[in-house]
Amino acid sequence: MRDEQKRIQHYLDEQGRVTRFPISKKNRKDQVLILAYLIEKFEMGKIYTEREVNDILKQWHTFEDWAILRRELFERGMMNRKLDCSEYWRTNNTKLY
Protein backbone atom coordinates (compact mmCIF):
# COMPACT_ATOMS: atom_id res chain seq x y z
CA MET A 1 0.00 0.00 0.00
CA ARG A 2 1.37 3.41 -0.97
CA ASP A 3 2.08 6.01 1.70
CA GLU A 4 -0.77 8.25 0.45
CA GLN A 5 -3.25 5.37 0.67
CA LYS A 6 -2.12 4.62 4.21
CA ARG A 7 -2.47 8.29 5.15
CA ILE A 8 -6.00 8.63 3.77
CA GLN A 9 -7.11 5.44 5.56
CA HIS A 10 -6.33 7.23 8.82
CA TYR A 11 -9.22 9.61 8.08
CA LEU A 12 -11.81 7.10 6.83
CA ASP A 13 -14.31 4.91 8.65
CA GLU A 14 -15.31 1.38 7.61
CA GLN A 15 -17.75 2.76 4.99
CA GLY A 16 -15.08 4.97 3.41
CA ARG A 17 -16.46 8.19 4.90
CA VAL A 18 -14.12 10.95 6.03
CA THR A 19 -14.27 11.21 9.82
CA ARG A 20 -12.38 14.48 10.28
CA PHE A 21 -10.72 17.26 8.34
CA PRO A 22 -7.39 18.41 9.78
CA ILE A 23 -7.16 22.18 10.04
CA SER A 24 -3.56 22.80 11.09
CA LYS A 25 -1.06 23.98 8.48
CA LYS A 26 1.22 21.04 9.23
CA ASN A 27 -1.50 18.75 7.88
CA ARG A 28 -1.80 20.48 4.48
CA LYS A 29 -0.79 17.29 2.66
CA ASP A 30 -3.50 15.34 4.44
CA GLN A 31 -6.07 18.01 3.56
CA VAL A 32 -5.16 17.66 -0.12
CA LEU A 33 -5.41 13.86 0.10
CA ILE A 34 -8.87 14.09 1.64
CA LEU A 35 -10.07 16.62 -0.93
CA ALA A 36 -8.66 14.52 -3.78
CA TYR A 37 -10.55 11.53 -2.37
CA LEU A 38 -13.80 13.51 -2.16
CA ILE A 39 -13.56 15.13 -5.60
CA GLU A 40 -13.57 11.62 -7.09
CA LYS A 41 -17.20 11.37 -5.94
CA PHE A 42 -18.15 13.99 -8.56
CA GLU A 43 -18.41 13.37 -12.30
CA MET A 44 -16.21 15.43 -14.59
CA GLY A 45 -18.37 17.54 -16.92
CA LYS A 46 -21.54 17.33 -14.81
CA ILE A 47 -23.14 20.51 -13.41
CA TYR A 48 -24.30 20.31 -9.79
CA THR A 49 -26.47 22.62 -7.71
CA GLU A 50 -25.13 23.67 -4.33
CA ARG A 51 -27.64 21.33 -2.72
CA GLU A 52 -26.42 18.39 -4.83
CA VAL A 53 -22.81 19.13 -3.87
CA ASN A 54 -23.81 19.26 -0.21
CA ASP A 55 -25.77 16.00 -0.49
CA ILE A 56 -22.81 14.16 -2.02
CA LEU A 57 -20.44 15.53 0.59
CA LYS A 58 -22.88 14.57 3.36
CA GLN A 59 -22.76 10.97 2.11
CA TRP A 60 -18.95 10.88 2.26
CA HIS A 61 -18.13 12.42 5.64
CA THR A 62 -19.28 12.05 9.24
CA PHE A 63 -18.36 15.32 10.98
CA GLU A 64 -21.27 17.46 9.67
CA ASP A 65 -19.32 20.29 8.03
CA TRP A 66 -19.98 19.92 4.32
CA ALA A 67 -19.64 23.69 3.87
CA ILE A 68 -15.93 23.66 4.75
CA LEU A 69 -15.38 20.74 2.38
CA ARG A 70 -17.26 22.47 -0.45
CA ARG A 71 -15.34 25.70 0.15
CA GLU A 72 -11.99 23.89 0.27
CA LEU A 73 -12.73 21.99 -2.95
CA PHE A 74 -13.37 25.33 -4.63
CA GLU A 75 -10.47 27.22 -3.09
CA ARG A 76 -8.02 24.43 -3.93
CA GLY A 77 -9.11 24.47 -7.58
CA MET A 78 -10.75 21.05 -7.63
CA MET A 79 -14.27 22.40 -8.11
CA ASN A 80 -15.47 25.51 -9.86
CA ARG A 81 -18.69 27.49 -9.46
CA LYS A 82 -20.64 30.38 -10.81
CA LEU A 83 -20.22 33.63 -8.92
CA ASP A 84 -23.75 33.30 -7.47
CA CYS A 85 -23.01 29.69 -6.35
CA SER A 86 -25.94 28.37 -8.40
CA GLU A 87 -23.82 25.85 -10.30
CA TYR A 88 -20.75 23.82 -9.39
CA TRP A 89 -18.62 21.48 -11.47
CA ARG A 90 -15.47 19.45 -11.11
CA THR A 91 -12.44 21.07 -12.67
CA ASN A 92 -8.69 21.36 -12.53
CA ASN A 93 -8.66 25.20 -12.43
CA THR A 94 -10.66 27.53 -10.23
CA LYS A 95 -12.10 30.55 -12.01
CA LEU A 96 -15.21 32.52 -11.09
CA TYR A 97 -17.82 32.91 -13.85
PDB file of N, CA and C in Angstrom:
ATOM      1  N   MET A   1       0.849  -1.191   0.000  1.00  0.00           N
ATOM      2  CA  MET A   1       0.000   0.000   0.000  1.00  0.00           C
ATOM      3  C   MET A   1       0.889   1.247   0.000  1.00  0.00           C
ATOM      4  N   ARG A   2       0.583   2.177  -0.890  1.00  0.00           N
ATOM      5  CA  ARG A   2       1.372   3.412  -0.972  1.00  0.00           C
ATOM      6  C   ARG A   2       1.165   4.260   0.272  1.00  0.00           C
ATOM      7  N   ASP A   3       2.134   5.135   0.534  1.00  0.00           N
ATOM      8  CA  ASP A   3       2.075   6.013   1.704  1.00  0.00           C
ATOM      9  C   ASP A   3       0.808   6.870   1.704  1.00  0.00           C
ATOM     10  N   GLU A   4       0.437   7.411   0.530  1.00  0.00           N
ATOM     11  CA  GLU A   4      -0.769   8.247   0.454  1.00  0.00           C
ATOM     12  C   GLU A   4      -2.021   7.448   0.809  1.00  0.00           C
ATOM     13  N   GLN A   5      -2.094   6.210   0.352  1.00  0.00           N
ATOM     14  CA  GLN A   5      -3.249   5.369   0.668  1.00  0.00           C
ATOM     15  C   GLN A   5      -3.309   5.070   2.162  1.00  0.00           C
ATOM     16  N   LYS A   6      -2.156   4.846   2.767  1.00  0.00           N
ATOM     17  CA  LYS A   6      -2.118   4.622   4.214  1.00  0.00           C
ATOM     18  C   LYS A   6      -2.575   5.862   4.958  1.00  0.00           C
ATOM     19  N   ARG A   7      -2.118   7.034   4.486  1.00  0.00           N
ATOM     20  CA  ARG A   7      -2.472   8.292   5.154  1.00  0.00           C
ATOM     21  C   ARG A   7      -3.967   8.562   5.072  1.00  0.00           C
ATOM     22  N   ILE A   8      -4.565   8.341   3.908  1.00  0.00           N
ATOM     23  CA  ILE A   8      -6.000   8.630   3.765  1.00  0.00           C
ATOM     24  C   ILE A   8      -6.825   7.657   4.614  1.00  0.00           C
ATOM     25  N   GLN A   9      -6.380   6.423   4.749  1.00  0.00           N
ATOM     26  CA  GLN A   9      -7.106   5.439   5.560  1.00  0.00           C
ATOM     27  C   GLN A   9      -7.252   5.911   7.003  1.00  0.00           C
ATOM     28  N   HIS A  10      -6.298   6.687   7.465  1.00  0.00           N
ATOM     29  CA  HIS A  10      -6.330   7.228   8.823  1.00  0.00           C
ATOM     30  C   HIS A  10      -7.562   8.116   9.054  1.00  0.00           C
ATOM     31  N   TYR A  11      -8.089   8.674   7.983  1.00  0.00           N
ATOM     32  CA  TYR A  11      -9.220   9.613   8.083  1.00  0.00           C
ATOM     33  C   TYR A  11     -10.557   8.999   7.681  1.00  0.00           C
ATOM     34  N   LEU A  12     -10.583   7.727   7.329  1.00  0.00           N
ATOM     35  CA  LEU A  12     -11.808   7.096   6.831  1.00  0.00           C
ATOM     36  C   LEU A  12     -12.358   6.074   7.826  1.00  0.00           C
ATOM     37  N   ASP A  13     -13.692   5.969   7.850  1.00  0.00           N
ATOM     38  CA  ASP A  13     -14.311   4.913   8.649  1.00  0.00           C
ATOM     39  C   ASP A  13     -14.478   3.658   7.784  1.00  0.00           C
ATOM     40  N   GLU A  14     -15.144   2.646   8.311  1.00  0.00           N
ATOM     41  CA  GLU A  14     -15.309   1.376   7.614  1.00  0.00           C
ATOM     42  C   GLU A  14     -16.090   1.517   6.304  1.00  0.00           C
ATOM     43  N   GLN A  15     -16.955   2.519   6.199  1.00  0.00           N
ATOM     44  CA  GLN A  15     -17.746   2.759   4.992  1.00  0.00           C
ATOM     45  C   GLN A  15     -17.045   3.688   4.003  1.00  0.00           C
ATOM     46  N   GLY A  16     -15.824   4.089   4.300  1.00  0.00           N
ATOM     47  CA  GLY A  16     -15.084   4.967   3.407  1.00  0.00           C
ATOM     48  C   GLY A  16     -15.444   6.433   3.551  1.00  0.00           C
ATOM     49  N   ARG A  17     -16.095   6.790   4.663  1.00  0.00           N
ATOM     50  CA  ARG A  17     -16.463   8.188   4.905  1.00  0.00           C
ATOM     51  C   ARG A  17     -15.353   8.889   5.682  1.00  0.00           C
ATOM     52  N   VAL A  18     -15.127  10.142   5.342  1.00  0.00           N
ATOM     53  CA  VAL A  18     -14.118  10.953   6.026  1.00  0.00           C
ATOM     54  C   VAL A  18     -14.641  11.279   7.428  1.00  0.00           C
ATOM     55  N   THR A  19     -13.829  11.007   8.435  1.00  0.00           N
ATOM     56  CA  THR A  19     -14.274  11.210   9.819  1.00  0.00           C
ATOM     57  C   THR A  19     -13.833  12.534  10.417  1.00  0.00           C
ATOM     58  N   ARG A  20     -12.821  13.166   9.796  1.00  0.00           N
ATOM     59  CA  ARG A  20     -12.384  14.483  10.278  1.00  0.00           C
ATOM     60  C   ARG A  20     -11.562  15.157   9.191  1.00  0.00           C
ATOM     61  N   PHE A  21     -11.498  16.475   9.275  1.00  0.00           N
ATOM     62  CA  PHE A  21     -10.715  17.264   8.335  1.00  0.00           C
ATOM     63  C   PHE A  21      -9.691  18.052   9.134  1.00  0.00           C
ATOM     64  N   PRO A  22      -8.414  17.723   8.996  1.00  0.00           N
ATOM     65  CA  PRO A  22      -7.387  18.408   9.776  1.00  0.00           C
ATOM     66  C   PRO A  22      -7.276  19.876   9.373  1.00  0.00           C
ATOM     67  N   ILE A  23      -7.180  20.751  10.354  1.00  0.00           N
ATOM     68  CA  ILE A  23      -7.155  22.178  10.038  1.00  0.00           C
ATOM     69  C   ILE A  23      -5.796  22.834  10.210  1.00  0.00           C
ATOM     70  N   SER A  24      -4.861  22.161  10.871  1.00  0.00           N
ATOM     71  CA  SER A  24      -3.561  22.801  11.087  1.00  0.00           C
ATOM     72  C   SER A  24      -2.741  22.817   9.798  1.00  0.00           C
ATOM     73  N   LYS A  25      -1.886  23.818   9.676  1.00  0.00           N
ATOM     74  CA  LYS A  25      -1.059  23.976   8.478  1.00  0.00           C
ATOM     75  C   LYS A  25      -0.104  22.800   8.283  1.00  0.00           C
ATOM     76  N   LYS A  26       0.302  22.163   9.367  1.00  0.00           N
ATOM     77  CA  LYS A  26       1.223  21.038   9.228  1.00  0.00           C
ATOM     78  C   LYS A  26       0.551  19.832   8.569  1.00  0.00           C
ATOM     79  N   ASN A  27      -0.758  19.840   8.504  1.00  0.00           N
ATOM     80  CA  ASN A  27      -1.504  18.746   7.880  1.00  0.00           C
ATOM     81  C   ASN A  27      -2.005  19.095   6.479  1.00  0.00           C
ATOM     82  N   ARG A  28      -1.382  20.056   5.817  1.00  0.00           N
ATOM     83  CA  ARG A  28      -1.800  20.481   4.478  1.00  0.00           C
ATOM     84  C   ARG A  28      -1.834  19.311   3.500  1.00  0.00           C
ATOM     85  N   LYS A  29      -0.830  18.434   3.562  1.00  0.00           N
ATOM     86  CA  LYS A  29      -0.794  17.289   2.656  1.00  0.00           C
ATOM     87  C   LYS A  29      -1.988  16.372   2.887  1.00  0.00           C
ATOM     88  N   ASP A  30      -2.348  16.179   4.132  1.00  0.00           N
ATOM     89  CA  ASP A  30      -3.504  15.340   4.441  1.00  0.00           C
ATOM     90  C   ASP A  30      -4.796  15.993   3.956  1.00  0.00           C
ATOM     91  N   GLN A  31      -4.891  17.305   4.076  1.00  0.00           N
ATOM     92  CA  GLN A  31      -6.066  18.006   3.560  1.00  0.00           C
ATOM     93  C   GLN A  31      -6.220  17.742   2.060  1.00  0.00           C
ATOM     94  N   VAL A  32      -5.122  17.868   1.330  1.00  0.00           N
ATOM     95  CA  VAL A  32      -5.160  17.658  -0.120  1.00  0.00           C
ATOM     96  C   VAL A  32      -5.557  16.222  -0.439  1.00  0.00           C
ATOM     97  N   LEU A  33      -5.044  15.258   0.313  1.00  0.00           N
ATOM     98  CA  LEU A  33      -5.415  13.857   0.104  1.00  0.00           C
ATOM     99  C   LEU A  33      -6.908  13.644   0.304  1.00  0.00           C
ATOM    100  N   ILE A  34      -7.443  14.226   1.350  1.00  0.00           N
ATOM    101  CA  ILE A  34      -8.874  14.094   1.642  1.00  0.00           C
ATOM    102  C   ILE A  34      -9.707  14.739   0.539  1.00  0.00           C
ATOM    103  N   LEU A  35      -9.324  15.927   0.129  1.00  0.00           N
ATOM    104  CA  LEU A  35     -10.071  16.618  -0.926  1.00  0.00           C
ATOM    105  C   LEU A  35      -9.982  15.867  -2.253  1.00  0.00           C
ATOM    106  N   ALA A  36      -8.820  15.313  -2.558  1.00  0.00           N
ATOM    107  CA  ALA A  36      -8.660  14.523  -3.783  1.00  0.00           C
ATOM    108  C   ALA A  36      -9.546  13.280  -3.731  1.00  0.00           C
ATOM    109  N   TYR A  37      -9.670  12.686  -2.566  1.00  0.00           N
ATOM    110  CA  TYR A  37     -10.548  11.532  -2.371  1.00  0.00           C
ATOM    111  C   TYR A  37     -12.010  11.938  -2.605  1.00  0.00           C
ATOM    112  N   LEU A  38     -12.409  13.066  -2.045  1.00  0.00           N
ATOM    113  CA  LEU A  38     -13.800  13.513  -2.161  1.00  0.00           C
ATOM    114  C   LEU A  38     -14.149  13.967  -3.573  1.00  0.00           C
ATOM    115  N   ILE A  39     -13.238  14.622  -4.266  1.00  0.00           N
ATOM    116  CA  ILE A  39     -13.565  15.126  -5.602  1.00  0.00           C
ATOM    117  C   ILE A  39     -13.843  13.971  -6.557  1.00  0.00           C
ATOM    118  N   GLU A  40     -13.312  12.807  -6.261  1.00  0.00           N
ATOM    119  CA  GLU A  40     -13.573  11.624  -7.089  1.00  0.00           C
ATOM    120  C   GLU A  40     -15.036  11.193  -7.029  1.00  0.00           C
ATOM    121  N   LYS A  41     -15.775  11.699  -6.076  1.00  0.00           N
ATOM    122  CA  LYS A  41     -17.199  11.366  -5.943  1.00  0.00           C
ATOM    123  C   LYS A  41     -18.060  12.185  -6.909  1.00  0.00           C
ATOM    124  N   PHE A  42     -17.447  13.129  -7.614  1.00  0.00           N
ATOM    125  CA  PHE A  42     -18.150  13.992  -8.561  1.00  0.00           C
ATOM    126  C   PHE A  42     -17.728  13.639  -9.985  1.00  0.00           C
ATOM    127  N   GLU A  43     -18.688  13.671 -10.897  1.00  0.00           N
ATOM    128  CA  GLU A  43     -18.407  13.375 -12.299  1.00  0.00           C
ATOM    129  C   GLU A  43     -17.821  14.592 -12.995  1.00  0.00           C
ATOM    130  N   MET A  44     -16.780  14.367 -13.776  1.00  0.00           N
ATOM    131  CA  MET A  44     -16.208  15.434 -14.591  1.00  0.00           C
ATOM    132  C   MET A  44     -17.227  15.797 -15.669  1.00  0.00           C
ATOM    133  N   GLY A  45     -17.460  17.085 -15.878  1.00  0.00           N
ATOM    134  CA  GLY A  45     -18.372  17.545 -16.919  1.00  0.00           C
ATOM    135  C   GLY A  45     -19.819  17.689 -16.486  1.00  0.00           C
ATOM    136  N   LYS A  46     -20.173  17.216 -15.313  1.00  0.00           N
ATOM    137  CA  LYS A  46     -21.543  17.331 -14.811  1.00  0.00           C
ATOM    138  C   LYS A  46     -21.693  18.615 -14.004  1.00  0.00           C
ATOM    139  N   ILE A  47     -22.824  19.293 -14.172  1.00  0.00           N
ATOM    140  CA  ILE A  47     -23.140  20.510 -13.415  1.00  0.00           C
ATOM    141  C   ILE A  47     -23.980  20.106 -12.199  1.00  0.00           C
ATOM    142  N   TYR A  48     -23.610  20.605 -11.043  1.00  0.00           N
ATOM    143  CA  TYR A  48     -24.305  20.309  -9.793  1.00  0.00           C
ATOM    144  C   TYR A  48     -24.844  21.598  -9.177  1.00  0.00           C
ATOM    145  N   THR A  49     -25.989  21.509  -8.536  1.00  0.00           N
ATOM    146  CA  THR A  49     -26.469  22.623  -7.714  1.00  0.00           C
ATOM    147  C   THR A  49     -25.712  22.571  -6.386  1.00  0.00           C
ATOM    148  N   GLU A  50     -25.776  23.654  -5.638  1.00  0.00           N
ATOM    149  CA  GLU A  50     -25.125  23.665  -4.325  1.00  0.00           C
ATOM    150  C   GLU A  50     -25.699  22.566  -3.445  1.00  0.00           C
ATOM    151  N   ARG A  51     -26.985  22.375  -3.524  1.00  0.00           N
ATOM    152  CA  ARG A  51     -27.640  21.335  -2.724  1.00  0.00           C
ATOM    153  C   ARG A  51     -27.119  19.940  -3.094  1.00  0.00           C
ATOM    154  N   GLU A  52     -26.941  19.685  -4.391  1.00  0.00           N
ATOM    155  CA  GLU A  52     -26.418  18.390  -4.832  1.00  0.00           C
ATOM    156  C   GLU A  52     -24.994  18.175  -4.341  1.00  0.00           C
ATOM    157  N   VAL A  53     -24.174  19.220  -4.385  1.00  0.00           N
ATOM    158  CA  VAL A  53     -22.805  19.126  -3.872  1.00  0.00           C
ATOM    159  C   VAL A  53     -22.852  18.790  -2.379  1.00  0.00           C
ATOM    160  N   ASN A  54     -23.682  19.514  -1.652  1.00  0.00           N
ATOM    161  CA  ASN A  54     -23.809  19.259  -0.214  1.00  0.00           C
ATOM    162  C   ASN A  54     -24.261  17.831   0.057  1.00  0.00           C
ATOM    163  N   ASP A  55     -25.247  17.351  -0.706  1.00  0.00           N
ATOM    164  CA  ASP A  55     -25.766  16.004  -0.490  1.00  0.00           C
ATOM    165  C   ASP A  55     -24.698  14.941  -0.723  1.00  0.00           C
ATOM    166  N   ILE A  56     -23.893  15.115  -1.755  1.00  0.00           N
ATOM    167  CA  ILE A  56     -22.811  14.160  -2.021  1.00  0.00           C
ATOM    168  C   ILE A  56     -21.784  14.210  -0.903  1.00  0.00           C
ATOM    169  N   LEU A  57     -21.408  15.413  -0.501  1.00  0.00           N
ATOM    170  CA  LEU A  57     -20.436  15.535   0.589  1.00  0.00           C
ATOM    171  C   LEU A  57     -20.977  14.954   1.893  1.00  0.00           C
ATOM    172  N   LYS A  58     -22.262  15.132   2.148  1.00  0.00           N
ATOM    173  CA  LYS A  58     -22.875  14.570   3.363  1.00  0.00           C
ATOM    174  C   LYS A  58     -22.766  13.046   3.380  1.00  0.00           C
ATOM    175  N   GLN A  59     -22.854  12.437   2.210  1.00  0.00           N
ATOM    176  CA  GLN A  59     -22.757  10.974   2.114  1.00  0.00           C
ATOM    177  C   GLN A  59     -21.355  10.470   2.417  1.00  0.00           C
ATOM    178  N   TRP A  60     -20.338  11.327   2.198  1.00  0.00           N
ATOM    179  CA  TRP A  60     -18.951  10.877   2.262  1.00  0.00           C
ATOM    180  C   TRP A  60     -18.158  11.459   3.424  1.00  0.00           C
ATOM    181  N   HIS A  61     -18.830  12.013   4.427  1.00  0.00           N
ATOM    182  CA  HIS A  61     -18.127  12.423   5.641  1.00  0.00           C
ATOM    183  C   HIS A  61     -19.058  12.309   6.836  1.00  0.00           C
ATOM    184  N   THR A  62     -18.483  12.294   8.024  1.00  0.00           N
ATOM    185  CA  THR A  62     -19.282  12.055   9.235  1.00  0.00           C
ATOM    186  C   THR A  62     -19.264  13.209  10.230  1.00  0.00           C
ATOM    187  N   PHE A  63     -18.528  14.276   9.956  1.00  0.00           N
ATOM    188  CA  PHE A  63     -18.359  15.318  10.976  1.00  0.00           C
ATOM    189  C   PHE A  63     -19.252  16.537  10.759  1.00  0.00           C
ATOM    190  N   GLU A  64     -20.210  16.451   9.836  1.00  0.00           N
ATOM    191  CA  GLU A  64     -21.270  17.459   9.670  1.00  0.00           C
ATOM    192  C   GLU A  64     -20.774  18.863   9.333  1.00  0.00           C
ATOM    193  N   ASP A  65     -19.751  18.963   8.493  1.00  0.00           N
ATOM    194  CA  ASP A  65     -19.321  20.287   8.033  1.00  0.00           C
ATOM    195  C   ASP A  65     -19.037  20.236   6.537  1.00  0.00           C
ATOM    196  N   TRP A  66     -20.101  19.990   5.775  1.00  0.00           N
ATOM    197  CA  TRP A  66     -19.976  19.918   4.321  1.00  0.00           C
ATOM    198  C   TRP A  66     -19.614  21.265   3.723  1.00  0.00           C
ATOM    199  N   ALA A  67     -19.951  22.357   4.397  1.00  0.00           N
ATOM    200  CA  ALA A  67     -19.643  23.688   3.868  1.00  0.00           C
ATOM    201  C   ALA A  67     -18.131  23.912   3.779  1.00  0.00           C
ATOM    202  N   ILE A  68     -17.395  23.483   4.806  1.00  0.00           N
ATOM    203  CA  ILE A  68     -15.935  23.663   4.749  1.00  0.00           C
ATOM    204  C   ILE A  68     -15.341  22.801   3.635  1.00  0.00           C
ATOM    205  N   LEU A  69     -15.881  21.616   3.441  1.00  0.00           N
ATOM    206  CA  LEU A  69     -15.379  20.743   2.384  1.00  0.00           C
ATOM    207  C   LEU A  69     -15.670  21.338   1.006  1.00  0.00           C
ATOM    208  N   ARG A  70     -16.888  21.842   0.822  1.00  0.00           N
ATOM    209  CA  ARG A  70     -17.264  22.469  -0.455  1.00  0.00           C
ATOM    210  C   ARG A  70     -16.380  23.679  -0.734  1.00  0.00           C
ATOM    211  N   ARG A  71     -16.175  24.495   0.280  1.00  0.00           N
ATOM    212  CA  ARG A  71     -15.344  25.696   0.147  1.00  0.00           C
ATOM    213  C   ARG A  71     -13.893  25.321  -0.175  1.00  0.00           C
ATOM    214  N   GLU A  72     -13.365  24.332   0.510  1.00  0.00           N
ATOM    215  CA  GLU A  72     -11.989  23.895   0.271  1.00  0.00           C
ATOM    216  C   GLU A  72     -11.830  23.299  -1.126  1.00  0.00           C
ATOM    217  N   LEU A  73     -12.802  22.539  -1.584  1.00  0.00           N
ATOM    218  CA  LEU A  73     -12.735  21.992  -2.948  1.00  0.00           C
ATOM    219  C   LEU A  73     -12.652  23.122  -3.967  1.00  0.00           C
ATOM    220  N   PHE A  74     -13.409  24.171  -3.736  1.00  0.00           N
ATOM    221  CA  PHE A  74     -13.374  25.329  -4.635  1.00  0.00           C
ATOM    222  C   PHE A  74     -12.050  26.079  -4.511  1.00  0.00           C
ATOM    223  N   GLU A  75     -11.672  26.412  -3.297  1.00  0.00           N
ATOM    224  CA  GLU A  75     -10.473  27.225  -3.089  1.00  0.00           C
ATOM    225  C   GLU A  75      -9.192  26.514  -3.527  1.00  0.00           C
ATOM    226  N   ARG A  76      -9.192  25.196  -3.502  1.00  0.00           N
ATOM    227  CA  ARG A  76      -8.016  24.432  -3.933  1.00  0.00           C
ATOM    228  C   ARG A  76      -8.035  24.131  -5.436  1.00  0.00           C
ATOM    229  N   GLY A  77      -9.068  24.623  -6.136  1.00  0.00           N
ATOM    230  CA  GLY A  77      -9.111  24.469  -7.582  1.00  0.00           C
ATOM    231  C   GLY A  77      -9.594  23.124  -8.074  1.00  0.00           C
ATOM    232  N   MET A  78     -10.242  22.365  -7.227  1.00  0.00           N
ATOM    233  CA  MET A  78     -10.749  21.054  -7.628  1.00  0.00           C
ATOM    234  C   MET A  78     -12.179  21.123  -8.130  1.00  0.00           C
ATOM    235  N   MET A  79     -12.884  22.184  -7.713  1.00  0.00           N
ATOM    236  CA  MET A  79     -14.270  22.396  -8.114  1.00  0.00           C
ATOM    237  C   MET A  79     -14.434  23.869  -8.457  1.00  0.00           C
ATOM    238  N   ASN A  80     -15.215  24.136  -9.457  1.00  0.00           N
ATOM    239  CA  ASN A  80     -15.471  25.507  -9.864  1.00  0.00           C
ATOM    240  C   ASN A  80     -16.935  25.827  -9.608  1.00  0.00           C
ATOM    241  N   ARG A  81     -17.289  27.092  -9.685  1.00  0.00           N
ATOM    242  CA  ARG A  81     -18.686  27.491  -9.461  1.00  0.00           C
ATOM    243  C   ARG A  81     -18.960  28.809 -10.159  1.00  0.00           C
ATOM    244  N   LYS A  82     -20.235  29.056 -10.353  1.00  0.00           N
ATOM    245  CA  LYS A  82     -20.645  30.383 -10.814  1.00  0.00           C
ATOM    246  C   LYS A  82     -20.522  31.348  -9.641  1.00  0.00           C
ATOM    247  N   LEU A  83     -20.389  32.605  -9.949  1.00  0.00           N
ATOM    248  CA  LEU A  83     -20.223  33.632  -8.918  1.00  0.00           C
ATOM    249  C   LEU A  83     -21.370  33.618  -7.903  1.00  0.00           C
ATOM    250  N   ASP A  84     -22.593  33.328  -8.372  1.00  0.00           N
ATOM    251  CA  ASP A  84     -23.754  33.302  -7.468  1.00  0.00           C
ATOM    252  C   ASP A  84     -23.937  31.946  -6.768  1.00  0.00           C
ATOM    253  N   CYS A  85     -23.004  31.019  -6.976  1.00  0.00           N
ATOM    254  CA  CYS A  85     -23.012  29.693  -6.349  1.00  0.00           C
ATOM    255  C   CYS A  85     -24.199  28.826  -6.788  1.00  0.00           C
ATOM    256  N   SER A  86     -24.797  29.145  -7.920  1.00  0.00           N
ATOM    257  CA  SER A  86     -25.940  28.373  -8.396  1.00  0.00           C
ATOM    258  C   SER A  86     -25.530  27.089  -9.110  1.00  0.00           C
ATOM    259  N   GLU A  87     -24.304  27.048  -9.609  1.00  0.00           N
ATOM    260  CA  GLU A  87     -23.819  25.854 -10.301  1.00  0.00           C
ATOM    261  C   GLU A  87     -22.376  25.573  -9.898  1.00  0.00           C
ATOM    262  N   TYR A  88     -22.093  24.293  -9.720  1.00  0.00           N
ATOM    263  CA  TYR A  88     -20.755  23.817  -9.389  1.00  0.00           C
ATOM    264  C   TYR A  88     -20.379  22.720 -10.368  1.00  0.00           C
ATOM    265  N   TRP A  89     -19.090  22.569 -10.633  1.00  0.00           N
ATOM    266  CA  TRP A  89     -18.624  21.480 -11.470  1.00  0.00           C
ATOM    267  C   TRP A  89     -17.179  21.160 -11.119  1.00  0.00           C
ATOM    268  N   ARG A  90     -16.834  19.920 -11.366  1.00  0.00           N
ATOM    269  CA  ARG A  90     -15.475  19.448 -11.113  1.00  0.00           C
ATOM    270  C   ARG A  90     -14.540  20.007 -12.175  1.00  0.00           C
ATOM    271  N   THR A  91     -13.381  20.454 -11.741  1.00  0.00           N
ATOM    272  CA  THR A  91     -12.444  21.068 -12.668  1.00  0.00           C
ATOM    273  C   THR A  91     -11.019  20.925 -12.147  1.00  0.00           C
ATOM    274  N   ASN A  92     -10.089  21.330 -12.953  1.00  0.00           N
ATOM    275  CA  ASN A  92      -8.691  21.363 -12.530  1.00  0.00           C
ATOM    276  C   ASN A  92      -8.222  22.783 -12.254  1.00  0.00           C
ATOM    277  N   ASN A  93      -9.036  23.788 -12.608  1.00  0.00           N
ATOM    278  CA  ASN A  93      -8.659  25.196 -12.432  1.00  0.00           C
ATOM    279  C   ASN A  93      -9.823  26.000 -11.900  1.00  0.00           C
ATOM    280  N   THR A  94      -9.616  26.685 -10.793  1.00  0.00           N
ATOM    281  CA  THR A  94     -10.660  27.533 -10.227  1.00  0.00           C
ATOM    282  C   THR A  94     -10.699  28.863 -10.960  1.00  0.00           C
ATOM    283  N   LYS A  95     -11.893  29.259 -11.371  1.00  0.00           N
ATOM    284  CA  LYS A  95     -12.096  30.547 -12.011  1.00  0.00           C
ATOM    285  C   LYS A  95     -13.561  30.924 -11.819  1.00  0.00           C
ATOM    286  N   LEU A  96     -13.829  32.091 -11.281  1.00  0.00           N
ATOM    287  CA  LEU A  96     -15.214  32.522 -11.094  1.00  0.00           C
ATOM    288  C   LEU A  96     -15.827  32.932 -12.429  1.00  0.00           C
ATOM    289  N   TYR A  97     -17.058  32.528 -12.647  1.00  0.00           N
ATOM    290  CA  TYR A  97     -17.820  32.911 -13.848  1.00  0.00           C
ATOM    291  C   TYR A  97     -19.013  33.747 -13.462  1.00  0.00           C
TER     292      TYR A  97
END
